[in-house]
Structure formats: structure tokens, C-alpha cells
């Protein structure tokens, strides 16, 4: 089994440590992050409040870096009401109906476990 020791004190140290990982480990980390983003997007699609379906149709994942993925929701000019849905609005006393934050929180609780498992598998060879 391969052994990798990493000490991280700040973001620049983290970036340098990630660059030193073997290629298979970087690939595994990227795939784990993609999977978590897909899980969060799927939960958002299931829980988004629906009136027209427009907001739900904009939920997607996007690769934001070599090993980084994120969920994206909304389109400028088409779904400017996302913030009102998520946080509520004062104009018509609209209650908050959050669906983005709960999905992100759920993915966050699983992130460390999934990333560690993916890296262990990749480093085991």
C-alpha cells in the first residue's frame, strides 16, 4: 500500500500538497467531488419548490477546477427570484423555502468520509 503524509497549515499549503498527490489520487479526489456535487444537485432537484418548473430546470453541476466541482442553480435574468425562494421575501411576506442550503449541508456531512475512502482506494493501488 502506498503511503502519503500531508501536513496542511493554510490554503497555499493545501494547494501544494494536492499537487504532490499521485495522478490516480488526484483523479479519485476529482471523482469523489463530482459525485458529491451530483448528489447535492439531485437533492436540490427533488426538493426545489415548483410553480413553473423553471428554477428546477436550471440545477446542474459544473467542474470548477481540476479536482473541484460545484452545483449551480439559476440563470441570470430568468431565475432572479432564487434568493427569495431560498431566503424568503418581504415584499409579499413570502416565507423561506430553502432547498440549496439543505442539500449543501447534507453533502458536506458526507464529504470527508467519501474523499478519504476514494483516496485510500486510489493509493492502495
C-alpha atoms as a PDB file:
ATOM      1  CA  UNK A   1       0.000   0.000   0.000  1.00  0.00           C
ATOM      2  CA  UNK A   2       1.322   3.449  -0.924  1.00  0.00           C
ATOM      3  CA  UNK A   3       1.852   5.918   1.869  1.00  0.00           C
ATOM      4  CA  UNK A   4       1.350   9.661   1.627  1.00  0.00           C
ATOM      5  CA  UNK A   5       1.828  12.084   4.507  1.00  0.00           C
ATOM      6  CA  UNK A   6       0.383  15.579   4.224  1.00  0.00           C
ATOM      7  CA  UNK A   7       0.627  18.471   6.664  1.00  0.00           C
ATOM      8  CA  UNK A   8      -1.554  21.478   5.847  1.00  0.00           C
ATOM      9  CA  UNK A   9      -1.446  24.852   7.575  1.00  0.00           C
ATOM     10  CA  UNK A  10      -3.077  27.158   5.024  1.00  0.00           C
ATOM     11  CA  UNK A  11      -4.676  27.248   1.595  1.00  0.00           C
ATOM     12  CA  UNK A  12      -1.391  27.632  -0.291  1.00  0.00           C
ATOM     13  CA  UNK A  13      -0.003  24.650   1.621  1.00  0.00           C
ATOM     14  CA  UNK A  14      -3.141  22.670   0.721  1.00  0.00           C
ATOM     15  CA  UNK A  15      -2.753  23.536  -2.957  1.00  0.00           C
ATOM     16  CA  UNK A  16       0.898  22.453  -2.900  1.00  0.00           C
ATOM     17  CA  UNK A  17       0.045  19.214  -1.079  1.00  0.00           C
ATOM     18  CA  UNK A  18      -2.663  18.352  -3.620  1.00  0.00           C
ATOM     19  CA  UNK A  19      -0.196  18.900  -6.471  1.00  0.00           C
ATOM     20  CA  UNK A  20       2.110  16.300  -4.901  1.00  0.00           C
ATOM     21  CA  UNK A  21      -0.536  13.573  -4.843  1.00  0.00           C
ATOM     22  CA  UNK A  22      -0.101  10.754  -7.374  1.00  0.00           C
ATOM     23  CA  UNK A  23      -2.211  11.092 -10.532  1.00  0.00           C
ATOM     24  CA  UNK A  24      -4.585   8.298  -9.502  1.00  0.00           C
ATOM     25  CA  UNK A  25      -5.257  10.026  -6.183  1.00  0.00           C
ATOM     26  CA  UNK A  26      -5.962  13.363  -7.900  1.00  0.00           C
ATOM     27  CA  UNK A  27      -8.352  11.594 -10.274  1.00  0.00           C
ATOM     28  CA  UNK A  28     -10.069   9.843  -7.360  1.00  0.00           C
ATOM     29  CA  UNK A  29     -10.405  13.139  -5.483  1.00  0.00           C
ATOM     30  CA  UNK A  30     -11.961  14.805  -8.521  1.00  0.00           C
ATOM     31  CA  UNK A  31     -14.394  11.913  -8.990  1.00  0.00           C
ATOM     32  CA  UNK A  32     -15.366  11.998  -5.302  1.00  0.00           C
ATOM     33  CA  UNK A  33     -16.043  15.729  -5.534  1.00  0.00           C
ATOM     34  CA  UNK A  34     -18.048  15.247  -8.752  1.00  0.00           C
ATOM     35  CA  UNK A  35     -20.124  12.543  -7.082  1.00  0.00           C
ATOM     36  CA  UNK A  36     -20.860  14.781  -4.097  1.00  0.00           C
ATOM     37  CA  UNK A  37     -21.868  17.663  -6.369  1.00  0.00           C
ATOM     38  CA  UNK A  38     -24.195  15.316  -8.296  1.00  0.00           C
ATOM     39  CA  UNK A  39     -25.704  14.119  -5.010  1.00  0.00           C
ATOM     40  CA  UNK A  40     -26.353  17.702  -3.895  1.00  0.00           C
ATOM     41  CA  UNK A  41     -27.828  18.630  -7.287  1.00  0.00           C
ATOM     42  CA  UNK A  42     -30.076  15.578  -7.228  1.00  0.00           C
ATOM     43  CA  UNK A  43     -31.369  16.508  -3.762  1.00  0.00           C
ATOM     44  CA  UNK A  44     -31.972  20.084  -4.924  1.00  0.00           C
ATOM     45  CA  UNK A  45     -33.981  18.797  -7.904  1.00  0.00           C
ATOM     46  CA  UNK A  46     -36.119  16.654  -5.580  1.00  0.00           C
ATOM     47  CA  UNK A  47     -36.799  19.443  -3.080  1.00  0.00           C
ATOM     48  CA  UNK A  48     -36.972  22.634  -5.161  1.00  0.00           C
ATOM     49  CA  UNK A  49     -40.342  24.363  -4.743  1.00  0.00           C
ATOM     50  CA  UNK A  50     -42.184  24.115  -8.037  1.00  0.00           C
ATOM     51  CA  UNK A  51     -44.544  26.605  -9.587  1.00  0.00           C
ATOM     52  CA  UNK A  52     -43.448  26.614 -13.233  1.00  0.00           C
ATOM     53  CA  UNK A  53     -40.506  24.204 -13.015  1.00  0.00           C
ATOM     54  CA  UNK A  54     -38.139  26.822 -14.412  1.00  0.00           C
ATOM     55  CA  UNK A  55     -35.945  27.047 -11.302  1.00  0.00           C
ATOM     56  CA  UNK A  56     -35.608  23.268 -11.034  1.00  0.00           C
ATOM     57  CA  UNK A  57     -34.608  23.017 -14.677  1.00  0.00           C
ATOM     58  CA  UNK A  58     -31.540  25.201 -14.041  1.00  0.00           C
ATOM     59  CA  UNK A  59     -29.931  22.960 -11.389  1.00  0.00           C
ATOM     60  CA  UNK A  60     -26.680  21.492 -12.728  1.00  0.00           C
ATOM     61  CA  UNK A  61     -23.141  20.554 -11.769  1.00  0.00           C
ATOM     62  CA  UNK A  62     -20.066  22.240 -13.146  1.00  0.00           C
ATOM     63  CA  UNK A  63     -16.378  21.455 -12.975  1.00  0.00           C
ATOM     64  CA  UNK A  64     -14.705  24.487 -11.425  1.00  0.00           C
ATOM     65  CA  UNK A  65     -11.134  23.212 -11.265  1.00  0.00           C
ATOM     66  CA  UNK A  66      -9.026  20.149 -11.954  1.00  0.00           C
ATOM     67  CA  UNK A  67     -10.397  18.339  -8.895  1.00  0.00           C
ATOM     68  CA  UNK A  68     -13.259  20.691  -7.970  1.00  0.00           C
ATOM     69  CA  UNK A  69     -16.964  20.524  -8.773  1.00  0.00           C
ATOM     70  CA  UNK A  70     -19.909  22.687  -7.703  1.00  0.00           C
ATOM     71  CA  UNK A  71     -23.655  22.833  -8.116  1.00  0.00           C
ATOM     72  CA  UNK A  72     -25.096  25.797  -9.964  1.00  0.00           C
ATOM     73  CA  UNK A  73     -28.708  26.914  -9.717  1.00  0.00           C
ATOM     74  CA  UNK A  74     -30.455  29.638 -11.659  1.00  0.00           C
ATOM     75  CA  UNK A  75     -29.812  31.677 -14.775  1.00  0.00           C
ATOM     76  CA  UNK A  76     -29.279  35.412 -14.689  1.00  0.00           C
ATOM     77  CA  UNK A  77     -32.339  37.235 -15.943  1.00  0.00           C
ATOM     78  CA  UNK A  78     -34.505  34.099 -15.848  1.00  0.00           C
ATOM     79  CA  UNK A  79     -34.431  32.980 -12.236  1.00  0.00           C
ATOM     80  CA  UNK A  80     -33.574  36.124 -10.317  1.00  0.00           C
ATOM     81  CA  UNK A  81     -36.129  35.029  -7.716  1.00  0.00           C
ATOM     82  CA  UNK A  82     -33.864  32.218  -6.430  1.00  0.00           C
ATOM     83  CA  UNK A  83     -32.853  34.279  -3.387  1.00  0.00           C
ATOM     84  CA  UNK A  84     -36.484  34.968  -2.499  1.00  0.00           C
ATOM     85  CA  UNK A  85     -37.318  31.265  -2.705  1.00  0.00           C
ATOM     86  CA  UNK A  86     -34.283  30.242  -0.653  1.00  0.00           C
ATOM     87  CA  UNK A  87     -34.348  33.017   1.984  1.00  0.00           C
ATOM     88  CA  UNK A  88     -37.882  34.429   1.819  1.00  0.00           C
ATOM     89  CA  UNK A  89     -39.047  37.853   0.757  1.00  0.00           C
ATOM     90  CA  UNK A  90     -40.537  40.871   2.465  1.00  0.00           C
ATOM     91  CA  UNK A  91     -42.476  42.311  -0.485  1.00  0.00           C
ATOM     92  CA  UNK A  92     -45.279  39.750  -0.290  1.00  0.00           C
ATOM     93  CA  UNK A  93     -44.251  38.315   3.089  1.00  0.00           C
ATOM     94  CA  UNK A  94     -43.008  35.167   1.363  1.00  0.00           C
ATOM     95  CA  UNK A  95     -41.615  32.504   3.683  1.00  0.00           C
ATOM     96  CA  UNK A  96     -38.213  30.973   3.020  1.00  0.00           C
ATOM     97  CA  UNK A  97     -38.372  27.630   1.212  1.00  0.00           C
ATOM     98  CA  UNK A  98     -34.718  26.576   1.301  1.00  0.00           C
ATOM     99  CA  UNK A  99     -33.561  23.773  -0.955  1.00  0.00           C
ATOM    100  CA  UNK A 100     -29.978  24.772  -1.859  1.00  0.00           C
ATOM    101  CA  UNK A 101     -28.588  25.086   1.681  1.00  0.00           C
ATOM    102  CA  UNK A 102     -30.054  21.811   2.995  1.00  0.00           C
ATOM    103  CA  UNK A 103     -28.642  19.921   0.007  1.00  0.00           C
ATOM    104  CA  UNK A 104     -25.223  21.504   0.531  1.00  0.00           C
ATOM    105  CA  UNK A 105     -25.311  20.716   4.250  1.00  0.00           C
ATOM    106  CA  UNK A 106     -26.181  17.087   3.530  1.00  0.00           C
ATOM    107  CA  UNK A 107     -23.308  16.748   1.041  1.00  0.00           C
ATOM    108  CA  UNK A 108     -20.937  18.428   3.484  1.00  0.00           C
ATOM    109  CA  UNK A 109     -21.669  15.815   6.161  1.00  0.00           C
ATOM    110  CA  UNK A 110     -20.590  13.081   3.744  1.00  0.00           C
ATOM    111  CA  UNK A 111     -17.666  14.891   2.088  1.00  0.00           C
ATOM    112  CA  UNK A 112     -14.822  13.897   4.395  1.00  0.00           C
ATOM    113  CA  UNK A 113     -15.863  10.235   4.523  1.00  0.00           C
ATOM    114  CA  UNK A 114     -16.214   9.926   0.730  1.00  0.00           C
ATOM    115  CA  UNK A 115     -12.958  11.731  -0.039  1.00  0.00           C
ATOM    116  CA  UNK A 116     -10.975   9.660   2.447  1.00  0.00           C
ATOM    117  CA  UNK A 117     -12.427   6.422   1.055  1.00  0.00           C
ATOM    118  CA  UNK A 118     -11.637   7.465  -2.524  1.00  0.00           C
ATOM    119  CA  UNK A 119      -8.059   8.445  -1.661  1.00  0.00           C
ATOM    120  CA  UNK A 120      -7.462   5.219   0.291  1.00  0.00           C
ATOM    121  CA  UNK A 121      -8.691   3.158  -2.637  1.00  0.00           C
ATOM    122  CA  UNK A 122      -6.563   5.083  -5.143  1.00  0.00           C
ATOM    123  CA  UNK A 123      -3.441   4.941  -3.009  1.00  0.00           C
ATOM    124  CA  UNK A 124      -3.894   1.211  -2.305  1.00  0.00           C
ATOM    125  CA  UNK A 125      -3.386   0.737  -5.983  1.00  0.00           C
END
